[in-house]
Amino acid sequence: MKVAFFDTKEYDEIAFKKFMEERNIEIKFFEPKLNIDTVDLAKGYDAVCIFVNDDANEEVINKLYEYGIKAIFLRCAGFNNVDTKACFGKIHVYRVPAYSPYAVAEHAMALYMTNNRRIHKAYNRTREYNFSLAGLTGNDMHGKTVGVIGTGRIGRCFINICQGFGMNVLCYDAFPANDLNYVSLDEIFEKSDIISLHCPLTPETRHLINKDSIKKMKKGVAIINTSRGGLIDAQALLDGIVERKIGSACLDVYEEEAELFYEDKSGHIMNDDTLLKLIAMPNVIITSHQAFLTHEALENIADTTTQNILSFFKGEQGNANELCYHCGNEQNCKKLRKEKCF
C-alpha cells in the first residue's frame, strides 16, 4: 500500500507515522499541494492523500487514473475540492467525517469571544504596558440570538456551547432534525445577532452570505465562518463592514485561501486586495484555517485515514466513509446495500 501524501505539514508527519508503522502502510510525504502541476508526483503510487486546499479537479482526476491511482483519501470532512463526478467508475474517494467536532466548534466560539471582548487588542496593549480600556467595550453574550446554519456534528457542538452561555438559538439545515428550533434562512438573517456557518460548500450554499442576504440582517450582526470560505462572498462581506451593516466578522476560512493559508507569506507582497482590507479592519479577526488543529483531532484524522486505507486495500465493503458519487441509480444504490459503488 503505497500512498502519496500531499500538502504535508510537520504535524501531519508526527500524527501519521505512528499509524503507518502499526498498520504497515508506506506513505511518502510531499510538501506541495496536489494540482495539475504536481500530479506527476503520484506516479508509482497506489493512492493519494490530500487536504482542504489540494485541487482534485477533473483534469487532475484523469491524470491520477492514468497513473493507476485507485483511491483518494481525504484527511478532512469536506470534499468540495474533489470532482466526485469525474471520480465515479475510476477512483474511490474516502473522507474523515468526524475527527473532532469539538475542536472546530470551540474555535468558532473562541474567535467570536476574542473579537467581541477585544482580547487580541488588550493582549497587544498590555505587552506594551498600555492598560487603557478605551475601545475595548464588548457585548454580553447571554440573551443574544445566534443563528446556526448547518446542524451536523460541528453545528450541534456549537449550539451546545451557545446554550451554555444562555443564548437563544435559531437553526437552519437543508435536512432538519426534530429536536432543534428550525426556522427559514430569511428568519436567521433577520433575527440573529450572531450568525455562524457550519454547512458544507455545495453549489446551493456557495455565497450563502452575499449582498442580498446581508441586506436582510440586523445592523451590527456578527458573522462567524469556520466551514468553507466559499460560503461567503468576501467582497460583499467587506462592503457590509464598510457600510456599518456588519458589526464584526470572525473567519477561519477564506474563499481564495488555497495559495495563502498554511504558508508563511510575511516576506511577500500580498496581491489579494479584499483579504488585505479585511485584515486591516478593526472588527475582523482571521485565523489560517486552524479550527481543526488540536492534538485529539490530528490523531483522529490519522487514525481514521489509515483505517480507510486499510479498508480499501483489503477490499472491505460498506465503509461509510466512502463518498457517494450521485450516480443517479437510486433504485439500485450499491452504497445503500453497503457495497462499494464500483
C-alpha atoms as a PDB file:
ATOM      1  CA  MET A   1       0.000   0.000   0.000  1.00  0.00           C
ATOM      2  CA  LYS A   2       1.950   2.994  -1.289  1.00  0.00           C
ATOM      3  CA  VAL A   3       0.338   6.379  -0.669  1.00  0.00           C
ATOM      4  CA  ALA A   4       1.479   9.795  -1.943  1.00  0.00           C
ATOM      5  CA  PHE A   5       0.705  12.336   0.775  1.00  0.00           C
ATOM      6  CA  PHE A   6       0.271  15.933  -0.478  1.00  0.00           C
ATOM      7  CA  ASP A   7       0.382  19.313   1.305  1.00  0.00           C
ATOM      8  CA  THR A   8       2.368  17.865   4.212  1.00  0.00           C
ATOM      9  CA  LYS A   9       2.990  19.829   7.386  1.00  0.00           C
ATOM     10  CA  GLU A  10       5.190  18.787  10.299  1.00  0.00           C
ATOM     11  CA  TYR A  11       2.198  17.944  12.491  1.00  0.00           C
ATOM     12  CA  ASP A  12       0.855  15.641   9.758  1.00  0.00           C
ATOM     13  CA  GLU A  13       4.018  13.549   9.713  1.00  0.00           C
ATOM     14  CA  ILE A  14       4.085  13.275  13.508  1.00  0.00           C
ATOM     15  CA  ALA A  15       0.457  12.123  13.670  1.00  0.00           C
ATOM     16  CA  PHE A  16       0.606   9.691  10.737  1.00  0.00           C
ATOM     17  CA  LYS A  17       3.952   7.993  11.394  1.00  0.00           C
ATOM     18  CA  LYS A  18       2.597   6.207  14.460  1.00  0.00           C
ATOM     19  CA  PHE A  19      -0.210   4.585  12.455  1.00  0.00           C
ATOM     20  CA  MET A  20       1.986   3.913   9.398  1.00  0.00           C
ATOM     21  CA  GLU A  21       4.208   1.626  11.463  1.00  0.00           C
ATOM     22  CA  GLU A  22       1.321  -0.061  13.274  1.00  0.00           C
ATOM     23  CA  ARG A  23      -0.613  -0.743  10.053  1.00  0.00           C
ATOM     24  CA  ASN A  24       2.223  -1.368   7.617  1.00  0.00           C
ATOM     25  CA  ILE A  25       1.325   1.457   5.237  1.00  0.00           C
ATOM     26  CA  GLU A  26       4.014   3.119   3.114  1.00  0.00           C
ATOM     27  CA  ILE A  27       3.462   6.887   2.890  1.00  0.00           C
ATOM     28  CA  LYS A  28       5.648   9.328   1.002  1.00  0.00           C
ATOM     29  CA  PHE A  29       5.219  12.862   2.315  1.00  0.00           C
ATOM     30  CA  PHE A  30       5.253  15.676  -0.257  1.00  0.00           C
ATOM     31  CA  GLU A  31       5.156  19.362   0.675  1.00  0.00           C
ATOM     32  CA  PRO A  32       3.426  20.658  -2.489  1.00  0.00           C
ATOM     33  CA  LYS A  33      -0.329  20.701  -2.797  1.00  0.00           C
ATOM     34  CA  LEU A  34      -1.920  18.386  -5.327  1.00  0.00           C
ATOM     35  CA  ASN A  35      -2.843  20.179  -8.548  1.00  0.00           C
ATOM     36  CA  ILE A  36      -2.236  19.765 -12.266  1.00  0.00           C
ATOM     37  CA  ASP A  37       1.360  20.985 -11.874  1.00  0.00           C
ATOM     38  CA  THR A  38       2.256  18.486  -9.140  1.00  0.00           C
ATOM     39  CA  VAL A  39       0.125  15.469 -10.070  1.00  0.00           C
ATOM     40  CA  ASP A  40       3.156  13.712 -11.627  1.00  0.00           C
ATOM     41  CA  LEU A  41       4.445  13.130  -8.083  1.00  0.00           C
ATOM     42  CA  ALA A  42       1.713  10.497  -7.746  1.00  0.00           C
ATOM     43  CA  LYS A  43       3.311   8.230 -10.382  1.00  0.00           C
ATOM     44  CA  GLY A  44       4.220   4.855  -8.941  1.00  0.00           C
ATOM     45  CA  TYR A  45       1.795   5.052  -6.020  1.00  0.00           C
ATOM     46  CA  ASP A  46      -1.476   3.243  -5.376  1.00  0.00           C
ATOM     47  CA  ALA A  47      -3.358   6.135  -3.784  1.00  0.00           C
ATOM     48  CA  VAL A  48      -3.088   9.789  -2.789  1.00  0.00           C
ATOM     49  CA  CYS A  49      -3.910  11.505   0.496  1.00  0.00           C
ATOM     50  CA  ILE A  50      -4.990  15.146   0.273  1.00  0.00           C
ATOM     51  CA  PHE A  51      -6.274  18.048   2.373  1.00  0.00           C
ATOM     52  CA  VAL A  52      -8.642  21.008   2.019  1.00  0.00           C
ATOM     53  CA  ASN A  53      -6.611  23.161  -0.399  1.00  0.00           C
ATOM     54  CA  ASP A  54      -5.459  20.427  -2.751  1.00  0.00           C
ATOM     55  CA  ASP A  55      -7.188  20.619  -6.134  1.00  0.00           C
ATOM     56  CA  ALA A  56      -8.536  17.311  -7.448  1.00  0.00           C
ATOM     57  CA  ASN A  57     -10.415  18.682 -10.446  1.00  0.00           C
ATOM     58  CA  GLU A  58     -11.413  16.648 -13.496  1.00  0.00           C
ATOM     59  CA  GLU A  59      -8.070  17.151 -15.233  1.00  0.00           C
ATOM     60  CA  VAL A  60      -6.180  16.011 -12.131  1.00  0.00           C
ATOM     61  CA  ILE A  61      -8.525  13.037 -11.654  1.00  0.00           C
ATOM     62  CA  ASN A  62      -7.926  11.882 -15.219  1.00  0.00           C
ATOM     63  CA  LYS A  63      -4.160  12.097 -14.699  1.00  0.00           C
ATOM     64  CA  LEU A  64      -4.362  10.171 -11.425  1.00  0.00           C
ATOM     65  CA  TYR A  65      -6.426   7.469 -13.133  1.00  0.00           C
ATOM     66  CA  GLU A  66      -3.893   7.315 -15.978  1.00  0.00           C
ATOM     67  CA  TYR A  67      -1.136   6.782 -13.388  1.00  0.00           C
ATOM     68  CA  GLY A  68      -3.025   3.885 -11.813  1.00  0.00           C
ATOM     69  CA  ILE A  69      -4.216   5.683  -8.693  1.00  0.00           C
ATOM     70  CA  LYS A  70      -7.038   3.641  -7.194  1.00  0.00           C
ATOM     71  CA  ALA A  71      -8.196   5.855  -4.328  1.00  0.00           C
ATOM     72  CA  ILE A  72      -8.131   9.369  -2.901  1.00  0.00           C
ATOM     73  CA  PHE A  73      -8.055   9.624   0.878  1.00  0.00           C
ATOM     74  CA  LEU A  74      -9.185  12.996   2.201  1.00  0.00           C
ATOM     75  CA  ARG A  75      -7.924  13.802   5.683  1.00  0.00           C
ATOM     76  CA  CYS A  76     -10.850  16.158   6.258  1.00  0.00           C
ATOM     77  CA  ALA A  77     -14.650  16.111   6.205  1.00  0.00           C
ATOM     78  CA  GLY A  78     -15.332  18.485   3.300  1.00  0.00           C
ATOM     79  CA  PHE A  79     -14.835  17.320  -0.273  1.00  0.00           C
ATOM     80  CA  ASN A  80     -15.718  20.362  -2.383  1.00  0.00           C
ATOM     81  CA  ASN A  81     -12.168  20.313  -3.798  1.00  0.00           C
ATOM     82  CA  VAL A  82     -12.708  16.885  -5.392  1.00  0.00           C
ATOM     83  CA  ASP A  83     -14.655  16.397  -8.624  1.00  0.00           C
ATOM     84  CA  THR A  84     -16.573  13.338  -7.451  1.00  0.00           C
ATOM     85  CA  LYS A  85     -18.441  13.016 -10.743  1.00  0.00           C
ATOM     86  CA  ALA A  86     -15.120  12.662 -12.556  1.00  0.00           C
ATOM     87  CA  CYS A  87     -14.091  10.045  -9.971  1.00  0.00           C
ATOM     88  CA  PHE A  88     -17.103   7.778 -10.488  1.00  0.00           C
ATOM     89  CA  GLY A  89     -16.107   4.493 -12.082  1.00  0.00           C
ATOM     90  CA  LYS A  90     -12.405   5.400 -11.837  1.00  0.00           C
ATOM     91  CA  ILE A  91     -11.173   6.372  -8.384  1.00  0.00           C
ATOM     92  CA  HIS A  92     -12.696   5.711  -4.979  1.00  0.00           C
ATOM     93  CA  VAL A  93     -12.824   8.644  -2.537  1.00  0.00           C
ATOM     94  CA  TYR A  94     -12.818   8.392   1.247  1.00  0.00           C
ATOM     95  CA  ARG A  95     -13.033  11.136   3.855  1.00  0.00           C
ATOM     96  CA  VAL A  96     -12.887  11.696   7.633  1.00  0.00           C
ATOM     97  CA  PRO A  97     -16.426  12.778   8.506  1.00  0.00           C
ATOM     98  CA  ALA A  98     -15.845  13.408  12.228  1.00  0.00           C
ATOM     99  CA  TYR A  99     -12.321  13.988  13.514  1.00  0.00           C
ATOM    100  CA  SER A 100     -13.272  16.390  16.319  1.00  0.00           C
ATOM    101  CA  PRO A 101     -16.416  18.481  16.044  1.00  0.00           C
ATOM    102  CA  TYR A 102     -15.480  19.975  19.403  1.00  0.00           C
ATOM    103  CA  ALA A 103     -12.242  21.428  18.018  1.00  0.00           C
ATOM    104  CA  VAL A 104     -13.999  23.396  15.272  1.00  0.00           C
ATOM    105  CA  ALA A 105     -16.980  24.466  17.380  1.00  0.00           C
ATOM    106  CA  GLU A 106     -14.732  25.635  20.211  1.00  0.00           C
ATOM    107  CA  HIS A 107     -12.558  27.599  17.786  1.00  0.00           C
ATOM    108  CA  ALA A 108     -15.633  29.274  16.307  1.00  0.00           C
ATOM    109  CA  MET A 109     -16.695  30.469  19.745  1.00  0.00           C
ATOM    110  CA  ALA A 110     -13.129  31.450  20.640  1.00  0.00           C
ATOM    111  CA  LEU A 111     -12.971  33.666  17.547  1.00  0.00           C
ATOM    112  CA  TYR A 112     -16.229  35.366  18.436  1.00  0.00           C
ATOM    113  CA  MET A 113     -15.313  35.896  22.092  1.00  0.00           C
ATOM    114  CA  THR A 114     -11.882  37.241  21.185  1.00  0.00           C
ATOM    115  CA  ASN A 115     -13.365  39.711  18.716  1.00  0.00           C
ATOM    116  CA  ASN A 116     -16.312  40.652  20.910  1.00  0.00           C
ATOM    117  CA  ARG A 117     -14.243  41.420  24.013  1.00  0.00           C
ATOM    118  CA  ARG A 118     -11.211  42.703  22.057  1.00  0.00           C
ATOM    119  CA  ILE A 119      -8.946  40.172  23.769  1.00  0.00           C
ATOM    120  CA  HIS A 120      -6.350  40.322  20.972  1.00  0.00           C
ATOM    121  CA  LYS A 121      -6.167  44.109  21.236  1.00  0.00           C
ATOM    122  CA  ALA A 122      -5.929  44.032  25.039  1.00  0.00           C
ATOM    123  CA  TYR A 123      -3.143  41.442  24.822  1.00  0.00           C
ATOM    124  CA  ASN A 124      -1.094  43.645  22.488  1.00  0.00           C
ATOM    125  CA  ARG A 125      -1.659  46.703  24.672  1.00  0.00           C
ATOM    126  CA  THR A 126      -0.635  45.160  27.969  1.00  0.00           C
ATOM    127  CA  ARG A 127       2.551  43.764  26.432  1.00  0.00           C
ATOM    128  CA  GLU A 128       3.475  47.416  25.847  1.00  0.00           C
ATOM    129  CA  TYR A 129       2.340  48.376  29.378  1.00  0.00           C
ATOM    130  CA  ASN A 130      -0.702  50.206  27.998  1.00  0.00           C
ATOM    131  CA  PHE A 131      -3.506  49.473  30.452  1.00  0.00           C
ATOM    132  CA  SER A 132      -6.132  51.770  28.958  1.00  0.00           C
ATOM    133  CA  LEU A 133      -9.593  50.258  28.410  1.00  0.00           C
ATOM    134  CA  ALA A 134     -10.588  52.739  25.711  1.00  0.00           C
ATOM    135  CA  GLY A 135     -12.139  50.984  22.714  1.00  0.00           C
ATOM    136  CA  LEU A 136     -12.324  47.571  24.373  1.00  0.00           C
ATOM    137  CA  THR A 137     -16.055  47.535  25.193  1.00  0.00           C
ATOM    138  CA  GLY A 138     -17.850  44.359  24.108  1.00  0.00           C
ATOM    139  CA  ASN A 139     -21.352  42.912  24.416  1.00  0.00           C
ATOM    140  CA  ASP A 140     -22.929  40.406  26.794  1.00  0.00           C
ATOM    141  CA  MET A 141     -23.468  37.058  25.093  1.00  0.00           C
ATOM    142  CA  HIS A 142     -26.259  35.989  27.458  1.00  0.00           C
ATOM    143  CA  GLY A 143     -29.658  36.534  25.888  1.00  0.00           C
ATOM    144  CA  LYS A 144     -28.352  37.204  22.388  1.00  0.00           C
ATOM    145  CA  THR A 145     -29.820  35.333  19.418  1.00  0.00           C
ATOM    146  CA  VAL A 146     -27.430  33.175  17.423  1.00  0.00           C
ATOM    147  CA  GLY A 147     -28.367  31.712  14.051  1.00  0.00           C
ATOM    148  CA  VAL A 148     -26.645  28.418  13.287  1.00  0.00           C
ATOM    149  CA  ILE A 149     -26.635  27.390   9.623  1.00  0.00           C
ATOM    150  CA  GLY A 150     -25.821  23.685   9.414  1.00  0.00           C
ATOM    151  CA  THR A 151     -26.682  21.348  12.280  1.00  0.00           C
ATOM    152  CA  GLY A 152     -24.354  18.421  11.700  1.00  0.00           C
ATOM    153  CA  ARG A 153     -21.873  17.282  14.340  1.00  0.00           C
ATOM    154  CA  ILE A 154     -19.973  20.586  14.466  1.00  0.00           C
ATOM    155  CA  GLY A 155     -23.102  22.722  14.354  1.00  0.00           C
ATOM    156  CA  ARG A 156     -24.615  20.788  17.249  1.00  0.00           C
ATOM    157  CA  CYS A 157     -21.463  21.165  19.336  1.00  0.00           C
ATOM    158  CA  PHE A 158     -21.564  24.907  18.662  1.00  0.00           C
ATOM    159  CA  ILE A 159     -25.244  25.014  19.648  1.00  0.00           C
ATOM    160  CA  ASN A 160     -24.425  23.317  22.968  1.00  0.00           C
ATOM    161  CA  ILE A 161     -21.747  25.922  23.669  1.00  0.00           C
ATOM    162  CA  CYS A 162     -24.162  28.757  22.864  1.00  0.00           C
ATOM    163  CA  GLN A 163     -26.828  27.312  25.133  1.00  0.00           C
ATOM    164  CA  GLY A 164     -24.250  27.122  27.906  1.00  0.00           C
ATOM    165  CA  PHE A 165     -23.874  30.889  27.629  1.00  0.00           C
ATOM    166  CA  GLY A 166     -27.643  31.376  27.837  1.00  0.00           C
ATOM    167  CA  MET A 167     -28.046  32.379  24.203  1.00  0.00           C
ATOM    168  CA  ASN A 168     -31.197  31.901  22.127  1.00  0.00           C
ATOM    169  CA  VAL A 169     -30.509  29.547  19.209  1.00  0.00           C
ATOM    170  CA  LEU A 170     -32.204  29.535  15.803  1.00  0.00           C
ATOM    171  CA  CYS A 171     -31.253  26.799  13.333  1.00  0.00           C
ATOM    172  CA  TYR A 172     -31.348  26.163   9.617  1.00  0.00           C
ATOM    173  CA  ASP A 173     -30.403  22.979   7.797  1.00  0.00           C
ATOM    174  CA  ALA A 174     -31.371  21.553   4.420  1.00  0.00           C
ATOM    175  CA  PHE A 175     -32.120  18.299   6.271  1.00  0.00           C
ATOM    176  CA  PRO A 176     -33.631  19.341   9.620  1.00  0.00           C
ATOM    177  CA  ALA A 177     -33.923  17.009  12.599  1.00  0.00           C
ATOM    178  CA  ASN A 178     -36.762  17.069  15.114  1.00  0.00           C
ATOM    179  CA  ASP A 179     -35.017  18.240  18.270  1.00  0.00           C
ATOM    180  CA  LEU A 180     -33.881  21.759  17.334  1.00  0.00           C
ATOM    181  CA  ASN A 181     -35.524  25.127  16.727  1.00  0.00           C
ATOM    182  CA  TYR A 182     -35.505  25.309  12.916  1.00  0.00           C
ATOM    183  CA  VAL A 183     -36.549  28.421  11.013  1.00  0.00           C
ATOM    184  CA  SER A 184     -36.129  29.702   7.460  1.00  0.00           C
ATOM    185  CA  LEU A 185     -32.887  31.255   6.238  1.00  0.00           C
ATOM    186  CA  ASP A 186     -34.628  34.629   5.991  1.00  0.00           C
ATOM    187  CA  GLU A 187     -35.588  34.390   9.662  1.00  0.00           C
ATOM    188  CA  ILE A 188     -31.993  33.531  10.538  1.00  0.00           C
ATOM    189  CA  PHE A 189     -30.815  36.618   8.672  1.00  0.00           C
ATOM    190  CA  GLU A 190     -33.485  38.925  10.106  1.00  0.00           C
ATOM    191  CA  LYS A 191     -33.408  37.908  13.796  1.00  0.00           C
ATOM    192  CA  SER A 192     -29.843  36.841  14.591  1.00  0.00           C
ATOM    193  CA  ASP A 193     -27.335  38.953  16.477  1.00  0.00           C
ATOM    194  CA  ILE A 194     -24.691  36.388  15.523  1.00  0.00           C
ATOM    195  CA  ILE A 195     -24.660  34.031  12.525  1.00  0.00           C
ATOM    196  CA  SER A 196     -22.346  31.015  12.496  1.00  0.00           C
ATOM    197  CA  LEU A 197     -21.806  28.849   9.411  1.00  0.00           C
ATOM    198  CA  HIS A 198     -21.370  25.090   9.816  1.00  0.00           C
ATOM    199  CA  CYS A 199     -22.634  23.755   6.482  1.00  0.00           C
ATOM    200  CA  PRO A 200     -20.713  22.158   3.601  1.00  0.00           C
ATOM    201  CA  LEU A 201     -19.820  24.092   0.465  1.00  0.00           C
ATOM    202  CA  THR A 202     -22.073  22.979  -2.387  1.00  0.00           C
ATOM    203  CA  PRO A 203     -23.438  24.753  -5.478  1.00  0.00           C
ATOM    204  CA  GLU A 204     -26.516  25.568  -3.377  1.00  0.00           C
ATOM    205  CA  THR A 205     -24.567  27.083  -0.463  1.00  0.00           C
ATOM    206  CA  ARG A 206     -21.882  28.953  -2.420  1.00  0.00           C
ATOM    207  CA  HIS A 207     -22.040  32.653  -1.459  1.00  0.00           C
ATOM    208  CA  LEU A 208     -24.828  31.963   1.005  1.00  0.00           C
ATOM    209  CA  ILE A 209     -23.703  35.207   2.607  1.00  0.00           C
ATOM    210  CA  ASN A 210     -23.990  37.791  -0.171  1.00  0.00           C
ATOM    211  CA  LYS A 211     -25.134  41.364  -0.681  1.00  0.00           C
ATOM    212  CA  ASP A 212     -28.804  40.357  -0.714  1.00  0.00           C
ATOM    213  CA  SER A 213     -28.667  38.233   2.437  1.00  0.00           C
ATOM    214  CA  ILE A 214     -26.600  40.913   4.210  1.00  0.00           C
ATOM    215  CA  LYS A 215     -29.339  43.470   3.467  1.00  0.00           C
ATOM    216  CA  LYS A 216     -31.782  41.305   5.462  1.00  0.00           C
ATOM    217  CA  MET A 217     -29.535  41.142   8.521  1.00  0.00           C
ATOM    218  CA  LYS A 218     -29.651  43.180  11.708  1.00  0.00           C
ATOM    219  CA  LYS A 219     -27.383  46.197  11.863  1.00  0.00           C
ATOM    220  CA  GLY A 220     -24.291  45.189  13.807  1.00  0.00           C
ATOM    221  CA  VAL A 221     -24.594  41.447  13.167  1.00  0.00           C
ATOM    222  CA  ALA A 222     -21.532  39.274  13.824  1.00  0.00           C
ATOM    223  CA  ILE A 223     -20.658  36.601  11.242  1.00  0.00           C
ATOM    224  CA  ILE A 224     -18.569  33.514  12.076  1.00  0.00           C
ATOM    225  CA  ASN A 225     -17.239  31.111   9.434  1.00  0.00           C
ATOM    226  CA  THR A 226     -15.179  28.050  10.318  1.00  0.00           C
ATOM    227  CA  SER A 227     -16.544  25.894   7.484  1.00  0.00           C
ATOM    228  CA  ARG A 228     -15.540  26.844   3.925  1.00  0.00           C
ATOM    229  CA  GLY A 229     -14.552  30.235   2.554  1.00  0.00           C
ATOM    230  CA  GLY A 230     -16.816  29.972  -0.482  1.00  0.00           C
ATOM    231  CA  LEU A 231     -19.897  30.222   1.744  1.00  0.00           C
ATOM    232  CA  ILE A 232     -19.240  33.965   1.911  1.00  0.00           C
ATOM    233  CA  ASP A 233     -18.907  36.464  -0.912  1.00  0.00           C
ATOM    234  CA  ALA A 234     -15.832  38.192   0.524  1.00  0.00           C
ATOM    235  CA  GLN A 235     -16.375  41.449  -1.349  1.00  0.00           C
ATOM    236  CA  ALA A 236     -19.992  41.633  -0.163  1.00  0.00           C
ATOM    237  CA  LEU A 237     -18.775  40.977   3.390  1.00  0.00           C
ATOM    238  CA  LEU A 238     -16.224  43.776   3.111  1.00  0.00           C
ATOM    239  CA  ASP A 239     -18.842  46.158   1.724  1.00  0.00           C
ATOM    240  CA  GLY A 240     -21.177  45.265   4.601  1.00  0.00           C
ATOM    241  CA  ILE A 241     -18.434  46.064   7.119  1.00  0.00           C
ATOM    242  CA  VAL A 242     -17.573  49.384   5.456  1.00  0.00           C
ATOM    243  CA  GLU A 243     -21.277  50.323   5.399  1.00  0.00           C
ATOM    244  CA  ARG A 244     -21.500  49.547   9.163  1.00  0.00           C
ATOM    245  CA  LYS A 245     -24.133  46.873   8.495  1.00  0.00           C
ATOM    246  CA  ILE A 246     -21.897  44.038   9.730  1.00  0.00           C
ATOM    247  CA  GLY A 247     -20.588  44.666  13.207  1.00  0.00           C
ATOM    248  CA  SER A 248     -17.835  42.048  13.147  1.00  0.00           C
ATOM    249  CA  ALA A 249     -16.506  39.078  11.196  1.00  0.00           C
ATOM    250  CA  CYS A 250     -14.702  36.057  12.616  1.00  0.00           C
ATOM    251  CA  LEU A 251     -13.164  33.984   9.845  1.00  0.00           C
ATOM    252  CA  ASP A 252     -11.081  30.822   9.891  1.00  0.00           C
ATOM    253  CA  VAL A 253     -11.547  30.305   6.147  1.00  0.00           C
ATOM    254  CA  TYR A 254     -11.407  32.483   3.060  1.00  0.00           C
ATOM    255  CA  GLU A 255     -12.595  31.833  -0.480  1.00  0.00           C
ATOM    256  CA  GLU A 256      -9.192  32.439  -2.091  1.00  0.00           C
ATOM    257  CA  GLU A 257      -7.132  30.864   0.676  1.00  0.00           C
ATOM    258  CA  ALA A 258      -5.610  27.991  -1.317  1.00  0.00           C
ATOM    259  CA  GLU A 259      -2.299  29.680  -2.131  1.00  0.00           C
ATOM    260  CA  LEU A 260      -2.096  31.626   1.133  1.00  0.00           C
ATOM    261  CA  PHE A 261      -3.217  29.726   4.201  1.00  0.00           C
ATOM    262  CA  TYR A 262      -0.752  27.337   5.886  1.00  0.00           C
ATOM    263  CA  GLU A 263       2.153  29.263   4.339  1.00  0.00           C
ATOM    264  CA  ASP A 264       4.449  31.986   5.703  1.00  0.00           C
ATOM    265  CA  LYS A 265       3.790  34.995   3.465  1.00  0.00           C
ATOM    266  CA  SER A 266       5.235  37.570   5.857  1.00  0.00           C
ATOM    267  CA  GLY A 267       8.029  38.494   3.473  1.00  0.00           C
ATOM    268  CA  HIS A 268       5.809  38.745   0.398  1.00  0.00           C
ATOM    269  CA  ILE A 269       3.662  41.467  -1.137  1.00  0.00           C
ATOM    270  CA  MET A 270       0.017  40.439  -0.934  1.00  0.00           C
ATOM    271  CA  ASN A 271      -1.913  40.645  -4.194  1.00  0.00           C
ATOM    272  CA  ASP A 272      -5.354  39.966  -2.712  1.00  0.00           C
ATOM    273  CA  ASP A 273      -6.847  43.421  -2.070  1.00  0.00           C
ATOM    274  CA  THR A 274     -10.011  42.057  -0.480  1.00  0.00           C
ATOM    275  CA  LEU A 275      -8.114  39.987   2.069  1.00  0.00           C
ATOM    276  CA  LEU A 276      -5.759  42.897   2.791  1.00  0.00           C
ATOM    277  CA  LYS A 277      -8.709  45.168   3.555  1.00  0.00           C
ATOM    278  CA  LEU A 278     -10.438  42.558   5.696  1.00  0.00           C
ATOM    279  CA  ILE A 279      -7.295  42.000   7.772  1.00  0.00           C
ATOM    280  CA  ALA A 280      -6.960  45.770   8.212  1.00  0.00           C
ATOM    281  CA  MET A 281     -10.477  46.138   9.639  1.00  0.00           C
ATOM    282  CA  PRO A 282     -10.523  46.586  13.443  1.00  0.00           C
ATOM    283  CA  ASN A 283     -13.648  44.431  13.794  1.00  0.00           C
ATOM    284  CA  VAL A 284     -12.376  41.468  11.752  1.00  0.00           C
ATOM    285  CA  ILE A 285     -10.355  38.570  13.123  1.00  0.00           C
ATOM    286  CA  ILE A 286      -8.897  35.972  10.750  1.00  0.00           C
ATOM    287  CA  THR A 287      -7.111  32.719  11.503  1.00  0.00           C
ATOM    288  CA  SER A 288      -5.486  30.491   8.908  1.00  0.00           C
ATOM    289  CA  HIS A 289      -7.906  27.532   8.699  1.00  0.00           C
ATOM    290  CA  GLN A 290      -6.703  26.237  12.062  1.00  0.00           C
ATOM    291  CA  ALA A 291     -10.037  25.373  13.717  1.00  0.00           C
ATOM    292  CA  PHE A 292      -9.307  21.638  13.333  1.00  0.00           C
ATOM    293  CA  LEU A 293      -5.843  21.902  14.881  1.00  0.00           C
ATOM    294  CA  THR A 294      -5.917  20.067  18.197  1.00  0.00           C
ATOM    295  CA  HIS A 295      -3.885  17.051  19.274  1.00  0.00           C
ATOM    296  CA  GLU A 296      -7.063  14.999  19.538  1.00  0.00           C
ATOM    297  CA  ALA A 297      -8.249  15.958  16.055  1.00  0.00           C
ATOM    298  CA  LEU A 298      -4.871  15.240  14.435  1.00  0.00           C
ATOM    299  CA  GLU A 299      -4.740  11.775  15.999  1.00  0.00           C
ATOM    300  CA  ASN A 300      -8.340  11.048  14.959  1.00  0.00           C
ATOM    301  CA  ILE A 301      -7.615  12.197  11.390  1.00  0.00           C
ATOM    302  CA  ALA A 302      -4.549   9.967  11.146  1.00  0.00           C
ATOM    303  CA  ASP A 303      -6.372   7.034  12.737  1.00  0.00           C
ATOM    304  CA  THR A 304      -9.449   7.237  10.508  1.00  0.00           C
ATOM    305  CA  THR A 305      -7.490   7.945   7.323  1.00  0.00           C
ATOM    306  CA  THR A 306      -5.190   4.966   7.808  1.00  0.00           C
ATOM    307  CA  GLN A 307      -8.205   2.806   8.680  1.00  0.00           C
ATOM    308  CA  ASN A 308      -9.792   3.969   5.403  1.00  0.00           C
ATOM    309  CA  ILE A 309      -6.616   2.975   3.554  1.00  0.00           C
ATOM    310  CA  LEU A 310      -6.604  -0.481   5.136  1.00  0.00           C
ATOM    311  CA  SER A 311     -10.319  -0.932   4.468  1.00  0.00           C
ATOM    312  CA  PHE A 312      -9.949  -0.110   0.798  1.00  0.00           C
ATOM    313  CA  PHE A 313      -6.917  -2.271   0.103  1.00  0.00           C
ATOM    314  CA  LYS A 314      -8.436  -5.205   1.980  1.00  0.00           C
ATOM    315  CA  GLY A 315     -11.460  -4.913  -0.320  1.00  0.00           C
ATOM    316  CA  GLU A 316     -13.879  -4.373   2.547  1.00  0.00           C
ATOM    317  CA  GLN A 317     -17.455  -3.487   1.589  1.00  0.00           C
ATOM    318  CA  GLY A 318     -19.739  -0.911   3.152  1.00  0.00           C
ATOM    319  CA  ASN A 319     -17.238   1.624   4.534  1.00  0.00           C
ATOM    320  CA  ALA A 320     -19.469   4.592   5.431  1.00  0.00           C
ATOM    321  CA  ASN A 321     -16.534   6.962   4.905  1.00  0.00           C
ATOM    322  CA  GLU A 322     -16.523   6.378   1.140  1.00  0.00           C
ATOM    323  CA  LEU A 323     -18.273   9.203  -0.679  1.00  0.00           C
ATOM    324  CA  CYS A 324     -21.488   8.756  -2.599  1.00  0.00           C
ATOM    325  CA  TYR A 325     -20.889   9.681  -6.224  1.00  0.00           C
ATOM    326  CA  HIS A 326     -24.505  10.586  -7.052  1.00  0.00           C
ATOM    327  CA  CYS A 327     -24.620   8.166  -9.962  1.00  0.00           C
ATOM    328  CA  GLY A 328     -28.407   8.606 -10.162  1.00  0.00           C
ATOM    329  CA  ASN A 329     -29.121   4.900  -9.760  1.00  0.00           C
ATOM    330  CA  GLU A 330     -31.343   5.366  -6.701  1.00  0.00           C
ATOM    331  CA  GLN A 331     -33.372   2.208  -7.388  1.00  0.00           C
ATOM    332  CA  ASN A 332     -30.286   0.026  -7.129  1.00  0.00           C
ATOM    333  CA  CYS A 333     -27.893   2.019  -4.971  1.00  0.00           C
ATOM    334  CA  LYS A 334     -24.907  -0.136  -4.049  1.00  0.00           C
ATOM    335  CA  LYS A 335     -23.936   2.166  -1.199  1.00  0.00           C
ATOM    336  CA  LEU A 336     -27.322   1.595   0.450  1.00  0.00           C
ATOM    337  CA  ARG A 337     -26.612  -2.131   0.180  1.00  0.00           C
ATOM    338  CA  LYS A 338     -23.296  -1.436   1.924  1.00  0.00           C
ATOM    339  CA  GLU A 339     -21.268  -2.298  -1.144  1.00  0.00           C
ATOM    340  CA  LYS A 340     -18.627  -0.331  -3.000  1.00  0.00           C
ATOM    341  CA  CYS A 341     -20.089   1.930  -5.669  1.00  0.00           C
ATOM    342  CA  PHE A 342     -17.926   0.340  -8.375  1.00  0.00           C
END
